[in-house]
């Protein structure tokens, strides 16, 4: 389980380091990651600064994460 979390963190980090950003929905559909918030917290505990912004679409609010 721990190595799977590390792999997921690495996939997220690679995407963010290439200038991308990610929502929970995008993490699920593009990377098959269901616990994006938990992986973001793990990256932050490793010293990475992750920015977040709230977005709204179709009357739904969600966070978009990016490397900050």
PDB file of N, CA and C in Angstrom:
ATOM      1  N   UNK A   1       0.825  -1.190   0.000  1.00  0.00           N
ATOM      2  CA  UNK A   1       0.000   0.000   0.000  1.00  0.00           C
ATOM      3  C   UNK A   1       0.873   1.260   0.000  1.00  0.00           C
ATOM      4  N   UNK A   2       1.912   1.275   0.831  1.00  0.00           N
ATOM      5  CA  UNK A   2       2.768   2.445   0.915  1.00  0.00           C
ATOM      6  C   UNK A   2       3.472   2.717  -0.411  1.00  0.00           C
ATOM      7  N   UNK A   3       3.945   1.672  -1.098  1.00  0.00           N
ATOM      8  CA  UNK A   3       4.619   1.885  -2.378  1.00  0.00           C
ATOM      9  C   UNK A   3       3.634   2.360  -3.440  1.00  0.00           C
ATOM     10  N   UNK A   4       2.372   1.927  -3.338  1.00  0.00           N
ATOM     11  CA  UNK A   4       1.358   2.415  -4.274  1.00  0.00           C
ATOM     12  C   UNK A   4       1.123   3.907  -4.058  1.00  0.00           C
ATOM     13  N   UNK A   5       1.068   4.339  -2.794  1.00  0.00           N
ATOM     14  CA  UNK A   5       0.909   5.760  -2.495  1.00  0.00           C
ATOM     15  C   UNK A   5       2.077   6.559  -3.049  1.00  0.00           C
ATOM     16  N   UNK A   6       3.294   6.021  -2.908  1.00  0.00           N
ATOM     17  CA  UNK A   6       4.483   6.690  -3.413  1.00  0.00           C
ATOM     18  C   UNK A   6       4.419   6.809  -4.930  1.00  0.00           C
ATOM     19  N   UNK A   7       3.989   5.759  -5.617  1.00  0.00           N
ATOM     20  CA  UNK A   7       3.838   5.797  -7.072  1.00  0.00           C
ATOM     21  C   UNK A   7       2.821   6.848  -7.480  1.00  0.00           C
ATOM     22  N   UNK A   8       1.699   6.903  -6.753  1.00  0.00           N
ATOM     23  CA  UNK A   8       0.677   7.899  -7.058  1.00  0.00           C
ATOM     24  C   UNK A   8       1.220   9.304  -6.827  1.00  0.00           C
ATOM     25  N   UNK A   9       1.960   9.492  -5.743  1.00  0.00           N
ATOM     26  CA  UNK A   9       2.569  10.796  -5.479  1.00  0.00           C
ATOM     27  C   UNK A   9       3.517  11.181  -6.606  1.00  0.00           C
ATOM     28  N   UNK A  10       4.290  10.230  -7.084  1.00  0.00           N
ATOM     29  CA  UNK A  10       5.227  10.511  -8.174  1.00  0.00           C
ATOM     30  C   UNK A  10       4.499  10.879  -9.460  1.00  0.00           C
ATOM     31  N   UNK A  11       3.401  10.204  -9.761  1.00  0.00           N
ATOM     32  CA  UNK A  11       2.616  10.553 -10.959  1.00  0.00           C
ATOM     33  C   UNK A  11       2.072  11.975 -10.842  1.00  0.00           C
ATOM     34  N   UNK A  12       1.539  12.308  -9.675  1.00  0.00           N
ATOM     35  CA  UNK A  12       0.999  13.652  -9.451  1.00  0.00           C
ATOM     36  C   UNK A  12       2.113  14.682  -9.562  1.00  0.00           C
ATOM     37  N   UNK A  13       3.237  14.409  -8.913  1.00  0.00           N
ATOM     38  CA  UNK A  13       4.359  15.339  -8.923  1.00  0.00           C
ATOM     39  C   UNK A  13       4.879  15.564 -10.340  1.00  0.00           C
ATOM     40  N   UNK A  14       5.004  14.516 -11.128  1.00  0.00           N
ATOM     41  CA  UNK A  14       5.455  14.661 -12.516  1.00  0.00           C
ATOM     42  C   UNK A  14       4.526  15.568 -13.305  1.00  0.00           C
ATOM     43  N   UNK A  15       3.226  15.385 -13.123  1.00  0.00           N
ATOM     44  CA  UNK A  15       2.255  16.215 -13.831  1.00  0.00           C
ATOM     45  C   UNK A  15       2.370  17.672 -13.385  1.00  0.00           C
ATOM     46  N   UNK A  16       2.457  17.903 -12.081  1.00  0.00           N
ATOM     47  CA  UNK A  16       2.539  19.271 -11.567  1.00  0.00           C
ATOM     48  C   UNK A  16       3.855  19.939 -11.960  1.00  0.00           C
ATOM     49  N   UNK A  17       4.951  19.193 -11.944  1.00  0.00           N
ATOM     50  CA  UNK A  17       6.252  19.761 -12.303  1.00  0.00           C
ATOM     51  C   UNK A  17       6.339  20.110 -13.781  1.00  0.00           C
ATOM     52  N   UNK A  18       5.512  19.479 -14.597  1.00  0.00           N
ATOM     53  CA  UNK A  18       5.509  19.806 -16.024  1.00  0.00           C
ATOM     54  C   UNK A  18       4.595  20.998 -16.314  1.00  0.00           C
ATOM     55  N   UNK A  19       4.130  21.666 -15.254  1.00  0.00           N
ATOM     56  CA  UNK A  19       3.314  22.864 -15.430  1.00  0.00           C
ATOM     57  C   UNK A  19       1.826  22.604 -15.399  1.00  0.00           C
ATOM     58  N   UNK A  20       1.438  21.379 -15.132  1.00  0.00           N
ATOM     59  CA  UNK A  20       0.023  21.036 -15.117  1.00  0.00           C
ATOM     60  C   UNK A  20      -0.639  21.343 -13.789  1.00  0.00           C
ATOM     61  N   UNK A  21      -1.938  21.155 -13.777  1.00  0.00           N
ATOM     62  CA  UNK A  21      -2.729  21.277 -12.555  1.00  0.00           C
ATOM     63  C   UNK A  21      -3.720  20.123 -12.555  1.00  0.00           C
ATOM     64  N   UNK A  22      -4.383  19.913 -11.419  1.00  0.00           N
ATOM     65  CA  UNK A  22      -5.183  18.703 -11.279  1.00  0.00           C
ATOM     66  C   UNK A  22      -6.341  18.916 -10.318  1.00  0.00           C
ATOM     67  N   UNK A  23      -7.504  18.383 -10.686  1.00  0.00           N
ATOM     68  CA  UNK A  23      -8.653  18.315  -9.784  1.00  0.00           C
ATOM     69  C   UNK A  23      -8.836  16.849  -9.387  1.00  0.00           C
ATOM     70  N   UNK A  24      -9.683  16.618  -8.399  1.00  0.00           N
ATOM     71  CA  UNK A  24      -9.950  15.231  -7.987  1.00  0.00           C
ATOM     72  C   UNK A  24     -10.517  14.417  -9.141  1.00  0.00           C
ATOM     73  N   UNK A  25     -11.423  15.029  -9.902  1.00  0.00           N
ATOM     74  CA  UNK A  25     -12.030  14.322 -11.035  1.00  0.00           C
ATOM     75  C   UNK A  25     -10.966  13.971 -12.078  1.00  0.00           C
ATOM     76  N   UNK A  26     -10.094  14.926 -12.385  1.00  0.00           N
ATOM     77  CA  UNK A  26      -9.033  14.672 -13.366  1.00  0.00           C
ATOM     78  C   UNK A  26      -8.058  13.607 -12.867  1.00  0.00           C
ATOM     79  N   UNK A  27      -7.758  13.636 -11.572  1.00  0.00           N
ATOM     80  CA  UNK A  27      -6.863  12.621 -11.003  1.00  0.00           C
ATOM     81  C   UNK A  27      -7.465  11.232 -11.173  1.00  0.00           C
ATOM     82  N   UNK A  28      -8.770  11.141 -10.980  1.00  0.00           N
ATOM     83  CA  UNK A  28      -9.439   9.848 -11.119  1.00  0.00           C
ATOM     84  C   UNK A  28      -9.483   9.398 -12.580  1.00  0.00           C
ATOM     85  N   UNK A  29      -9.878  10.299 -13.477  1.00  0.00           N
ATOM     86  CA  UNK A  29     -10.050   9.893 -14.877  1.00  0.00           C
ATOM     87  C   UNK A  29      -8.728   9.738 -15.630  1.00  0.00           C
ATOM     88  N   UNK A  30      -7.726  10.556 -15.305  1.00  0.00           N
ATOM     89  CA  UNK A  30      -6.453  10.503 -16.031  1.00  0.00           C
ATOM     90  C   UNK A  30      -5.430   9.561 -15.395  1.00  0.00           C
ATOM     91  N   UNK A  31      -5.432   9.512 -14.055  1.00  0.00           N
ATOM     92  CA  UNK A  31      -4.378   8.776 -13.350  1.00  0.00           C
ATOM     93  C   UNK A  31      -4.899   7.617 -12.508  1.00  0.00           C
ATOM     94  N   UNK A  32      -6.217   7.448 -12.457  1.00  0.00           N
ATOM     95  CA  UNK A  32      -6.849   6.398 -11.652  1.00  0.00           C
ATOM     96  C   UNK A  32      -6.514   6.541 -10.159  1.00  0.00           C
ATOM     97  N   UNK A  33      -6.455   7.791  -9.697  1.00  0.00           N
ATOM     98  CA  UNK A  33      -6.171   8.096  -8.293  1.00  0.00           C
ATOM     99  C   UNK A  33      -7.455   8.606  -7.652  1.00  0.00           C
ATOM    100  N   UNK A  34      -7.889   7.934  -6.577  1.00  0.00           N
ATOM    101  CA  UNK A  34      -9.154   8.304  -5.945  1.00  0.00           C
ATOM    102  C   UNK A  34      -8.975   9.172  -4.702  1.00  0.00           C
ATOM    103  N   UNK A  35      -7.799   9.239  -4.139  1.00  0.00           N
ATOM    104  CA  UNK A  35      -7.560   9.985  -2.895  1.00  0.00           C
ATOM    105  C   UNK A  35      -6.568  11.123  -3.137  1.00  0.00           C
ATOM    106  N   UNK A  36      -6.907  12.028  -4.039  1.00  0.00           N
ATOM    107  CA  UNK A  36      -5.977  13.100  -4.402  1.00  0.00           C
ATOM    108  C   UNK A  36      -5.594  13.952  -3.197  1.00  0.00           C
ATOM    109  N   UNK A  37      -6.557  14.323  -2.367  1.00  0.00           N
ATOM    110  CA  UNK A  37      -6.257  15.156  -1.201  1.00  0.00           C
ATOM    111  C   UNK A  37      -5.219  14.530  -0.286  1.00  0.00           C
ATOM    112  N   UNK A  38      -5.316  13.230  -0.068  1.00  0.00           N
ATOM    113  CA  UNK A  38      -4.351  12.522   0.779  1.00  0.00           C
ATOM    114  C   UNK A  38      -2.963  12.525   0.143  1.00  0.00           C
ATOM    115  N   UNK A  39      -2.893  12.308  -1.173  1.00  0.00           N
ATOM    116  CA  UNK A  39      -1.596  12.316  -1.851  1.00  0.00           C
ATOM    117  C   UNK A  39      -0.984  13.717  -1.830  1.00  0.00           C
ATOM    118  N   UNK A  40      -1.808  14.762  -1.950  1.00  0.00           N
ATOM    119  CA  UNK A  40      -1.313  16.139  -1.886  1.00  0.00           C
ATOM    120  C   UNK A  40      -0.704  16.393  -0.509  1.00  0.00           C
ATOM    121  N   UNK A  41      -1.377  15.954   0.543  1.00  0.00           N
ATOM    122  CA  UNK A  41      -0.852  16.111   1.912  1.00  0.00           C
ATOM    123  C   UNK A  41       0.490  15.391   2.059  1.00  0.00           C
ATOM    124  N   UNK A  42       0.619  14.204   1.455  1.00  0.00           N
ATOM    125  CA  UNK A  42       1.885  13.471   1.515  1.00  0.00           C
ATOM    126  C   UNK A  42       2.996  14.242   0.813  1.00  0.00           C
ATOM    127  N   UNK A  43       2.691  14.822  -0.343  1.00  0.00           N
ATOM    128  CA  UNK A  43       3.688  15.624  -1.055  1.00  0.00           C
ATOM    129  C   UNK A  43       4.091  16.839  -0.222  1.00  0.00           C
ATOM    130  N   UNK A  44       3.118  17.478   0.418  1.00  0.00           N
ATOM    131  CA  UNK A  44       3.424  18.637   1.263  1.00  0.00           C
ATOM    132  C   UNK A  44       4.293  18.228   2.450  1.00  0.00           C
ATOM    133  N   UNK A  45       4.052  17.053   3.000  1.00  0.00           N
ATOM    134  CA  UNK A  45       4.871  16.588   4.127  1.00  0.00           C
ATOM    135  C   UNK A  45       6.303  16.287   3.688  1.00  0.00           C
ATOM    136  N   UNK A  46       6.495  16.068   2.384  1.00  0.00           N
ATOM    137  CA  UNK A  46       7.842  15.854   1.831  1.00  0.00           C
ATOM    138  C   UNK A  46       8.507  17.175   1.456  1.00  0.00           C
ATOM    139  N   UNK A  47       7.802  18.304   1.698  1.00  0.00           N
ATOM    140  CA  UNK A  47       8.407  19.612   1.475  1.00  0.00           C
ATOM    141  C   UNK A  47       7.954  20.349   0.227  1.00  0.00           C
ATOM    142  N   UNK A  48       7.110  19.745  -0.584  1.00  0.00           N
ATOM    143  CA  UNK A  48       6.629  20.419  -1.786  1.00  0.00           C
ATOM    144  C   UNK A  48       5.547  21.426  -1.420  1.00  0.00           C
ATOM    145  N   UNK A  49       5.570  22.576  -2.090  1.00  0.00           N
ATOM    146  CA  UNK A  49       4.553  23.603  -1.871  1.00  0.00           C
ATOM    147  C   UNK A  49       3.500  23.439  -2.958  1.00  0.00           C
ATOM    148  N   UNK A  50       2.302  23.074  -2.544  1.00  0.00           N
ATOM    149  CA  UNK A  50       1.203  22.837  -3.473  1.00  0.00           C
ATOM    150  C   UNK A  50       0.169  23.942  -3.282  1.00  0.00           C
ATOM    151  N   UNK A  51      -0.124  24.646  -4.367  1.00  0.00           N
ATOM    152  CA  UNK A  51      -1.157  25.677  -4.319  1.00  0.00           C
ATOM    153  C   UNK A  51      -2.508  25.068  -4.649  1.00  0.00           C
ATOM    154  N   UNK A  52      -3.550  25.772  -4.256  1.00  0.00           N
ATOM    155  CA  UNK A  52      -4.906  25.315  -4.542  1.00  0.00           C
ATOM    156  C   UNK A  52      -5.787  26.527  -4.780  1.00  0.00           C
ATOM    157  N   UNK A  53      -6.733  26.326  -5.643  1.00  0.00           N
ATOM    158  CA  UNK A  53      -7.712  27.366  -5.917  1.00  0.00           C
ATOM    159  C   UNK A  53      -9.072  26.715  -6.076  1.00  0.00           C
ATOM    160  N   UNK A  54     -10.108  27.417  -5.641  1.00  0.00           N
ATOM    161  CA  UNK A  54     -11.467  26.912  -5.816  1.00  0.00           C
ATOM    162  C   UNK A  54     -11.968  27.303  -7.194  1.00  0.00           C
ATOM    163  N   UNK A  55     -12.636  26.375  -7.862  1.00  0.00           N
ATOM    164  CA  UNK A  55     -13.270  26.637  -9.150  1.00  0.00           C
ATOM    165  C   UNK A  55     -14.726  26.208  -9.071  1.00  0.00           C
ATOM    166  N   UNK A  56     -15.542  26.804  -9.920  1.00  0.00           N
ATOM    167  CA  UNK A  56     -16.957  26.452  -9.974  1.00  0.00           C
ATOM    168  C   UNK A  56     -17.339  26.180 -11.417  1.00  0.00           C
ATOM    169  N   UNK A  57     -18.063  25.097 -11.627  1.00  0.00           N
ATOM    170  CA  UNK A  57     -18.565  24.745 -12.950  1.00  0.00           C
ATOM    171  C   UNK A  57     -19.858  23.967 -12.767  1.00  0.00           C
ATOM    172  N   UNK A  58     -20.870  24.325 -13.521  1.00  0.00           N
ATOM    173  CA  UNK A  58     -22.173  23.648 -13.426  1.00  0.00           C
ATOM    174  C   UNK A  58     -22.679  23.583 -11.982  1.00  0.00           C
ATOM    175  N   UNK A  59     -22.545  24.702 -11.273  1.00  0.00           N
ATOM    176  CA  UNK A  59     -22.991  24.810  -9.876  1.00  0.00           C
ATOM    177  C   UNK A  59     -22.281  23.849  -8.925  1.00  0.00           C
ATOM    178  N   UNK A  60     -21.081  23.413  -9.274  1.00  0.00           N
ATOM    179  CA  UNK A  60     -20.285  22.542  -8.405  1.00  0.00           C
ATOM    180  C   UNK A  60     -18.953  23.229  -8.115  1.00  0.00           C
ATOM    181  N   UNK A  61     -18.535  23.196  -6.846  1.00  0.00           N
ATOM    182  CA  UNK A  61     -17.244  23.757  -6.446  1.00  0.00           C
ATOM    183  C   UNK A  61     -16.238  22.636  -6.251  1.00  0.00           C
ATOM    184  N   UNK A  62     -15.018  22.886  -6.673  1.00  0.00           N
ATOM    185  CA  UNK A  62     -13.954  21.899  -6.505  1.00  0.00           C
ATOM    186  C   UNK A  62     -12.617  22.616  -6.460  1.00  0.00           C
ATOM    187  N   UNK A  63     -11.612  21.935  -5.920  1.00  0.00           N
ATOM    188  CA  UNK A  63     -10.271  22.504  -5.836  1.00  0.00           C
ATOM    189  C   UNK A  63      -9.433  22.059  -7.019  1.00  0.00           C
ATOM    190  N   UNK A  64      -8.601  22.971  -7.477  1.00  0.00           N
ATOM    191  CA  UNK A  64      -7.585  22.665  -8.481  1.00  0.00           C
ATOM    192  C   UNK A  64      -6.233  22.841  -7.802  1.00  0.00           C
ATOM    193  N   UNK A  65      -5.392  21.826  -7.897  1.00  0.00           N
ATOM    194  CA  UNK A  65      -4.074  21.831  -7.260  1.00  0.00           C
ATOM    195  C   UNK A  65      -2.999  22.105  -8.309  1.00  0.00           C
ATOM    196  N   UNK A  66      -1.966  22.822  -7.898  1.00  0.00           N
ATOM    197  CA  UNK A  66      -0.849  23.148  -8.784  1.00  0.00           C
ATOM    198  C   UNK A  66       0.395  23.322  -7.925  1.00  0.00           C
ATOM    199  N   UNK A  67       1.544  23.244  -8.563  1.00  0.00           N
ATOM    200  CA  UNK A  67       2.795  23.435  -7.834  1.00  0.00           C
ATOM    201  C   UNK A  67       2.956  24.919  -7.570  1.00  0.00           C
ATOM    202  N   UNK A  68       3.158  25.280  -6.313  1.00  0.00           N
ATOM    203  CA  UNK A  68       3.208  26.699  -5.970  1.00  0.00           C
ATOM    204  C   UNK A  68       4.536  27.045  -5.441  1.00  0.00           C
TER     205      UNK A  68
END
